[in-house]
Amino acid sequence: ISARAAAQKAAIQADGTKALADLKQLIASKQNAAKAGAEKEAKALETTGQNQATHAHSEMNTTISAINAAAASACASAGGDADVQKAVNDAVNQAQSDALAKTHQQGNDVASKAQKDAKDAAQKIREGGDKLASELGEKSSQVETGIQDATHAASARVTTGEQSSLQQLTAGEQQALAGLDQIGRAHV
């Protein structure tokens, strides 16, 4: 009886241990998947931000080329004597300088904002992946406790059954010995 009970308890313990290991492996896999998915989305978002920044710089360069071409055309088409041409060139150069400064500032601001916004959003996505992974771990601890409790309860039931069987066996043995003792006295 004790050997059978020990074997049953060992089997229960092994099943419980395997269930816990399987659960931990599943949770780890889900946590890794949550983090990997978040990282993939975050990198895609960062790439999009970089692409938007590149596009902003490209648009800025196109605008700069147009400003320079317009200024060159305006200076070239200025008529009149040297004083008039100088006044036109000075005015065009000043306007060109102001327009180029504003274009550079706006282009760089748009590029910076695109990269910063993408970086911030990517960080939030990563944090969301970490939070999801953490929540999975927290919820798994409740399931782990349930598995451990069920394993202990099953083992306790086997122990209780073993003790009951041993008590019955001992009682039966005592009755048999008492019966043999009575038979032995009756024949003496």
C-alpha atoms as a PDB file:
ATOM      1  CA  ILE A   1       0.000   0.000   0.000  1.00  0.00           C
ATOM      2  CA  SER A   2       2.778   2.425   0.932  1.00  0.00           C
ATOM      3  CA  ALA A   3       4.720   1.635  -2.236  1.00  0.00           C
ATOM      4  CA  ARG A   4       1.625   2.116  -4.396  1.00  0.00           C
ATOM      5  CA  ALA A   5       0.794   5.400  -2.622  1.00  0.00           C
ATOM      6  CA  ALA A   6       4.386   6.600  -3.022  1.00  0.00           C
ATOM      7  CA  ALA A   7       4.245   5.793  -6.737  1.00  0.00           C
ATOM      8  CA  GLN A   8       0.924   7.641  -7.083  1.00  0.00           C
ATOM      9  CA  LYS A   9       2.295  10.663  -5.227  1.00  0.00           C
ATOM     10  CA  ALA A  10       5.431  10.634  -7.385  1.00  0.00           C
ATOM     11  CA  ALA A  11       3.276  10.515 -10.524  1.00  0.00           C
ATOM     12  CA  ILE A  12       1.096  13.365  -9.242  1.00  0.00           C
ATOM     13  CA  GLN A  13       4.176  15.410  -8.364  1.00  0.00           C
ATOM     14  CA  ALA A  14       5.728  14.724 -11.784  1.00  0.00           C
ATOM     15  CA  ASP A  15       2.492  15.712 -13.541  1.00  0.00           C
ATOM     16  CA  GLY A  16       2.269  18.895 -11.472  1.00  0.00           C
ATOM     17  CA  THR A  17       5.903  19.754 -12.155  1.00  0.00           C
ATOM     18  CA  LYS A  18       5.424  19.164 -15.884  1.00  0.00           C
ATOM     19  CA  ALA A  19       2.264  21.266 -15.940  1.00  0.00           C
ATOM     20  CA  LEU A  20       4.126  24.124 -14.223  1.00  0.00           C
ATOM     21  CA  ALA A  21       7.067  23.822 -16.606  1.00  0.00           C
ATOM     22  CA  ASP A  22       4.731  23.767 -19.623  1.00  0.00           C
ATOM     23  CA  LEU A  23       2.870  26.812 -18.300  1.00  0.00           C
ATOM     24  CA  LYS A  24       6.094  28.727 -17.675  1.00  0.00           C
ATOM     25  CA  GLN A  25       7.338  27.865 -21.147  1.00  0.00           C
ATOM     26  CA  LEU A  26       4.035  28.984 -22.704  1.00  0.00           C
ATOM     27  CA  ILE A  27       4.032  32.230 -20.728  1.00  0.00           C
ATOM     28  CA  ALA A  28       7.672  32.929 -21.620  1.00  0.00           C
ATOM     29  CA  SER A  29       6.852  32.323 -25.268  1.00  0.00           C
ATOM     30  CA  LYS A  30       3.850  34.682 -25.107  1.00  0.00           C
ATOM     31  CA  GLN A  31       5.907  37.319 -23.266  1.00  0.00           C
ATOM     32  CA  ASN A  32       8.652  37.101 -25.884  1.00  0.00           C
ATOM     33  CA  ALA A  33       6.063  37.329 -28.657  1.00  0.00           C
ATOM     34  CA  ALA A  34       4.500  40.427 -27.044  1.00  0.00           C
ATOM     35  CA  LYS A  35       7.878  42.129 -26.732  1.00  0.00           C
ATOM     36  CA  ALA A  36       9.012  41.081 -30.222  1.00  0.00           C
ATOM     37  CA  GLY A  37       5.756  42.279 -31.777  1.00  0.00           C
ATOM     38  CA  ALA A  38       6.016  45.612 -30.001  1.00  0.00           C
ATOM     39  CA  GLU A  39       9.663  45.961 -31.042  1.00  0.00           C
ATOM     40  CA  LYS A  40       8.802  45.206 -34.668  1.00  0.00           C
ATOM     41  CA  GLU A  41       6.049  47.842 -34.672  1.00  0.00           C
ATOM     42  CA  ALA A  42       8.275  50.345 -32.869  1.00  0.00           C
ATOM     43  CA  LYS A  43      11.071  49.906 -35.432  1.00  0.00           C
ATOM     44  CA  ALA A  44       8.575  50.283 -38.286  1.00  0.00           C
ATOM     45  CA  LEU A  45       7.326  53.492 -36.708  1.00  0.00           C
ATOM     46  CA  GLU A  46      10.874  54.802 -36.271  1.00  0.00           C
ATOM     47  CA  THR A  47      11.583  53.986 -39.915  1.00  0.00           C
ATOM     48  CA  THR A  48       8.450  55.872 -40.930  1.00  0.00           C
ATOM     49  CA  GLY A  49       9.617  58.866 -38.887  1.00  0.00           C
ATOM     50  CA  GLN A  50      13.027  58.720 -40.553  1.00  0.00           C
ATOM     51  CA  ASN A  51      11.363  58.502 -43.980  1.00  0.00           C
ATOM     52  CA  GLN A  52       9.207  61.538 -43.157  1.00  0.00           C
ATOM     53  CA  ALA A  53      12.298  63.440 -42.032  1.00  0.00           C
ATOM     54  CA  THR A  54      14.101  62.522 -45.252  1.00  0.00           C
ATOM     55  CA  HIS A  55      11.055  63.633 -47.243  1.00  0.00           C
ATOM     56  CA  ALA A  56      10.968  66.941 -45.323  1.00  0.00           C
ATOM     57  CA  HIS A  57      14.644  67.548 -46.146  1.00  0.00           C
ATOM     58  CA  SER A  58      14.036  66.637 -49.769  1.00  0.00           C
ATOM     59  CA  GLU A  59      11.113  69.073 -49.975  1.00  0.00           C
ATOM     60  CA  MET A  60      13.265  71.708 -48.273  1.00  0.00           C
ATOM     61  CA  ASN A  61      16.011  71.221 -50.869  1.00  0.00           C
ATOM     62  CA  THR A  62      13.466  71.464 -53.704  1.00  0.00           C
ATOM     63  CA  THR A  63      12.137  74.699 -52.224  1.00  0.00           C
ATOM     64  CA  ILE A  64      15.680  76.064 -51.793  1.00  0.00           C
ATOM     65  CA  SER A  65      16.433  75.312 -55.434  1.00  0.00           C
ATOM     66  CA  ALA A  66      13.242  77.104 -56.499  1.00  0.00           C
ATOM     67  CA  ILE A  67      14.096  80.135 -54.326  1.00  0.00           C
ATOM     68  CA  ASN A  68      17.619  80.292 -55.732  1.00  0.00           C
ATOM     69  CA  ALA A  69      16.336  79.959 -59.310  1.00  0.00           C
ATOM     70  CA  ALA A  70      13.720  82.676 -58.785  1.00  0.00           C
ATOM     71  CA  ALA A  71      16.300  84.993 -57.240  1.00  0.00           C
ATOM     72  CA  ALA A  72      18.751  84.398 -60.073  1.00  0.00           C
ATOM     73  CA  SER A  73      16.003  85.045 -62.635  1.00  0.00           C
ATOM     74  CA  ALA A  74      14.901  88.239 -60.873  1.00  0.00           C
ATOM     75  CA  CYS A  75      18.460  89.550 -60.719  1.00  0.00           C
ATOM     76  CA  ALA A  76      19.116  88.668 -64.337  1.00  0.00           C
ATOM     77  CA  SER A  77      15.978  90.370 -65.564  1.00  0.00           C
ATOM     78  CA  ALA A  78      16.599  93.625 -63.708  1.00  0.00           C
ATOM     79  CA  GLY A  79      16.906  96.426 -66.161  1.00  0.00           C
ATOM     80  CA  GLY A  80      18.064  99.985 -65.806  1.00  0.00           C
ATOM     81  CA  ASP A  81      21.313 101.579 -64.854  1.00  0.00           C
ATOM     82  CA  ALA A  82      23.843 100.150 -62.375  1.00  0.00           C
ATOM     83  CA  ASP A  83      22.202 101.811 -59.355  1.00  0.00           C
ATOM     84  CA  VAL A  84      18.831 100.265 -60.195  1.00  0.00           C
ATOM     85  CA  GLN A  85      20.388  96.881 -60.797  1.00  0.00           C
ATOM     86  CA  LYS A  86      22.272  97.105 -57.502  1.00  0.00           C
ATOM     87  CA  ALA A  87      19.074  98.075 -55.645  1.00  0.00           C
ATOM     88  CA  VAL A  88      17.173  95.181 -57.280  1.00  0.00           C
ATOM     89  CA  ASN A  89      20.006  92.725 -56.521  1.00  0.00           C
ATOM     90  CA  ASP A  90      20.210  93.896 -52.893  1.00  0.00           C
ATOM     91  CA  ALA A  91      16.440  93.558 -52.453  1.00  0.00           C
ATOM     92  CA  VAL A  92      16.361  90.151 -54.162  1.00  0.00           C
ATOM     93  CA  ASN A  93      19.352  88.916 -52.157  1.00  0.00           C
ATOM     94  CA  GLN A  94      17.744  90.037 -48.886  1.00  0.00           C
ATOM     95  CA  ALA A  95      14.442  88.373 -49.783  1.00  0.00           C
ATOM     96  CA  GLN A  96      16.317  85.258 -50.909  1.00  0.00           C
ATOM     97  CA  SER A  97      18.293  85.154 -47.653  1.00  0.00           C
ATOM     98  CA  ASP A  98      15.122  85.512 -45.554  1.00  0.00           C
ATOM     99  CA  ALA A  99      13.278  82.876 -47.590  1.00  0.00           C
ATOM    100  CA  LEU A 100      16.203  80.439 -47.381  1.00  0.00           C
ATOM    101  CA  ALA A 101      16.507  80.905 -43.606  1.00  0.00           C
ATOM    102  CA  LYS A 102      12.768  80.279 -43.121  1.00  0.00           C
ATOM    103  CA  THR A 103      12.861  77.271 -45.468  1.00  0.00           C
ATOM    104  CA  HIS A 104      15.834  75.755 -43.629  1.00  0.00           C
ATOM    105  CA  GLN A 105      14.182  76.359 -40.263  1.00  0.00           C
ATOM    106  CA  GLN A 106      10.824  74.905 -41.338  1.00  0.00           C
ATOM    107  CA  GLY A 107      12.382  71.915 -43.100  1.00  0.00           C
ATOM    108  CA  ASN A 108      14.568  71.071 -40.113  1.00  0.00           C
ATOM    109  CA  ASP A 109      11.665  71.602 -37.686  1.00  0.00           C
ATOM    110  CA  VAL A 110       9.399  69.269 -39.674  1.00  0.00           C
ATOM    111  CA  ALA A 111      12.159  66.642 -39.952  1.00  0.00           C
ATOM    112  CA  SER A 112      12.969  66.900 -36.229  1.00  0.00           C
ATOM    113  CA  LYS A 113       9.324  66.687 -35.219  1.00  0.00           C
ATOM    114  CA  ALA A 114       8.736  63.653 -37.436  1.00  0.00           C
ATOM    115  CA  GLN A 115      11.688  61.841 -35.879  1.00  0.00           C
ATOM    116  CA  LYS A 116      10.822  62.884 -32.311  1.00  0.00           C
ATOM    117  CA  ASP A 117       7.146  61.947 -32.663  1.00  0.00           C
ATOM    118  CA  ALA A 118       8.077  58.577 -34.156  1.00  0.00           C
ATOM    119  CA  LYS A 119      10.640  57.952 -31.411  1.00  0.00           C
ATOM    120  CA  ASP A 120       8.144  58.871 -28.673  1.00  0.00           C
ATOM    121  CA  ALA A 121       5.421  56.698 -30.189  1.00  0.00           C
ATOM    122  CA  ALA A 122       7.878  53.819 -30.635  1.00  0.00           C
ATOM    123  CA  GLN A 123       8.850  54.099 -26.960  1.00  0.00           C
ATOM    124  CA  LYS A 124       5.174  53.938 -25.952  1.00  0.00           C
ATOM    125  CA  ILE A 125       4.712  50.849 -28.104  1.00  0.00           C
ATOM    126  CA  ARG A 126       7.735  49.202 -26.467  1.00  0.00           C
ATOM    127  CA  GLU A 127       6.388  50.091 -23.024  1.00  0.00           C
ATOM    128  CA  GLY A 128       3.038  48.625 -24.036  1.00  0.00           C
ATOM    129  CA  GLY A 129       4.763  45.388 -25.078  1.00  0.00           C
ATOM    130  CA  ASP A 130       6.635  45.272 -21.758  1.00  0.00           C
ATOM    131  CA  LYS A 131       3.409  45.930 -19.831  1.00  0.00           C
ATOM    132  CA  LEU A 132       1.580  43.180 -21.707  1.00  0.00           C
ATOM    133  CA  ALA A 133       4.440  40.758 -21.049  1.00  0.00           C
ATOM    134  CA  SER A 134       4.398  41.698 -17.364  1.00  0.00           C
ATOM    135  CA  GLU A 135       0.629  41.220 -17.113  1.00  0.00           C
ATOM    136  CA  LEU A 136       0.975  37.792 -18.693  1.00  0.00           C
ATOM    137  CA  GLY A 137       3.521  36.903 -16.006  1.00  0.00           C
ATOM    138  CA  GLU A 138       1.271  38.215 -13.216  1.00  0.00           C
ATOM    139  CA  LYS A 139      -1.728  36.265 -14.442  1.00  0.00           C
ATOM    140  CA  SER A 140       0.360  33.118 -14.835  1.00  0.00           C
ATOM    141  CA  SER A 141       1.347  33.233 -11.162  1.00  0.00           C
ATOM    142  CA  GLN A 142      -2.315  32.748 -10.252  1.00  0.00           C
ATOM    143  CA  VAL A 143      -2.501  29.711 -12.535  1.00  0.00           C
ATOM    144  CA  GLU A 144       0.797  28.397 -11.124  1.00  0.00           C
ATOM    145  CA  THR A 145      -0.623  28.654  -7.610  1.00  0.00           C
ATOM    146  CA  GLY A 146      -3.718  26.762  -8.768  1.00  0.00           C
ATOM    147  CA  ILE A 147      -1.595  23.976 -10.253  1.00  0.00           C
ATOM    148  CA  GLN A 148       0.515  23.766  -7.104  1.00  0.00           C
ATOM    149  CA  ASP A 149      -2.598  23.690  -4.886  1.00  0.00           C
ATOM    150  CA  ALA A 150      -4.210  20.997  -7.027  1.00  0.00           C
ATOM    151  CA  THR A 151      -1.002  18.932  -6.940  1.00  0.00           C
ATOM    152  CA  HIS A 152      -0.782  19.221  -3.149  1.00  0.00           C
ATOM    153  CA  ALA A 153      -4.485  18.370  -2.754  1.00  0.00           C
ATOM    154  CA  ALA A 154      -4.173  15.282  -4.954  1.00  0.00           C
ATOM    155  CA  SER A 155      -1.086  14.172  -3.041  1.00  0.00           C
ATOM    156  CA  ALA A 156      -2.906  14.744   0.264  1.00  0.00           C
ATOM    157  CA  ARG A 157      -5.843  12.623  -0.969  1.00  0.00           C
ATOM    158  CA  VAL A 158      -3.441   9.799  -1.783  1.00  0.00           C
ATOM    159  CA  THR A 159      -1.831  10.140   1.671  1.00  0.00           C
ATOM    160  CA  THR A 160      -5.265  10.090   3.331  1.00  0.00           C
ATOM    161  CA  GLY A 161      -6.233   7.013   1.305  1.00  0.00           C
ATOM    162  CA  GLU A 162      -2.949   5.329   2.207  1.00  0.00           C
ATOM    163  CA  GLN A 163      -3.460   6.024   5.910  1.00  0.00           C
ATOM    164  CA  SER A 164      -7.037   4.758   5.776  1.00  0.00           C
ATOM    165  CA  SER A 165      -5.964   1.592   3.946  1.00  0.00           C
ATOM    166  CA  LEU A 166      -3.129   1.023   6.412  1.00  0.00           C
ATOM    167  CA  GLN A 167      -5.508   1.501   9.340  1.00  0.00           C
ATOM    168  CA  GLN A 168      -7.946  -0.976   7.818  1.00  0.00           C
ATOM    169  CA  LEU A 169      -5.113  -3.406   7.153  1.00  0.00           C
ATOM    170  CA  THR A 170      -3.820  -3.027  10.719  1.00  0.00           C
ATOM    171  CA  ALA A 171      -7.331  -3.502  12.109  1.00  0.00           C
ATOM    172  CA  GLY A 172      -7.810  -6.582   9.925  1.00  0.00           C
ATOM    173  CA  GLU A 173      -4.441  -7.930  11.013  1.00  0.00           C
ATOM    174  CA  GLN A 174      -5.328  -7.393  14.680  1.00  0.00           C
ATOM    175  CA  GLN A 175      -8.674  -9.140  14.184  1.00  0.00           C
ATOM    176  CA  ALA A 176      -7.005 -12.049  12.431  1.00  0.00           C
ATOM    177  CA  LEU A 177      -4.388 -12.366  15.171  1.00  0.00           C
ATOM    178  CA  ALA A 178      -7.095 -12.171  17.844  1.00  0.00           C
ATOM    179  CA  GLY A 179      -9.068 -14.862  16.016  1.00  0.00           C
ATOM    180  CA  LEU A 180      -5.989 -17.076  15.772  1.00  0.00           C
ATOM    181  CA  ASP A 181      -5.273 -16.495  19.453  1.00  0.00           C
ATOM    182  CA  GLN A 182      -8.813 -17.597  20.325  1.00  0.00           C
ATOM    183  CA  ILE A 183      -8.519 -20.670  18.140  1.00  0.00           C
ATOM    184  CA  GLY A 184      -5.170 -21.486  19.722  1.00  0.00           C
ATOM    185  CA  ARG A 185      -6.680 -21.227  23.272  1.00  0.00           C
ATOM    186  CA  ALA A 186      -9.666 -23.296  22.331  1.00  0.00           C
ATOM    187  CA  HIS A 187      -7.426 -26.190  21.290  1.00  0.00           C
ATOM    188  CA  VAL A 188      -5.246 -26.127  24.363  1.00  0.00           C
END
